[in-house]
């Protein structure tokens, strides 16, 4: 078994879709990023890469590479899963999304389903929590969203 932790943060940007966990969330702003800005999938990618000892998202998908400009983060996650699949399978993941708005409670189940499908695991192996920061910090001021992810990988035998 190998454990990895991931973290990512993106500021809000007008005129973009808000993507979280592979689904679009209705909101007046999206997240600024070289890709589609899916902060949750980016944190999950870093957790998987960390558990496998393979660096971080920026090493594999640098923001200086135009091939990843506006790319769907689900594609990046699939590539990372292919990269680790020879030696590891995902056992389970636990994620936290930190934002004042939008409120994520109505979307958590869809996010879990999306992540489970992307990871190739049952929905029971994916947990998503939504938190606020009670008005504190940049997320409290509604300037952006941050996400954390922990993943447990099992070695293939």
Foldseek 3Di string as FASTA:
>chain_A
DFKFKFKFKFFWDAPAFADELRDTDDDRTHTDDQASRHQNLQRVLQGLCVRVVNHHPCVVPNSVDNVRGNHRSLVVLLVSCVVCVVWKAWQAKEKEKEAPPDDCVVPQQVSLVSNCVSRVHDSVRYHYHYYYPCLDDCRSVVGIMMMMMMTDIDTDD
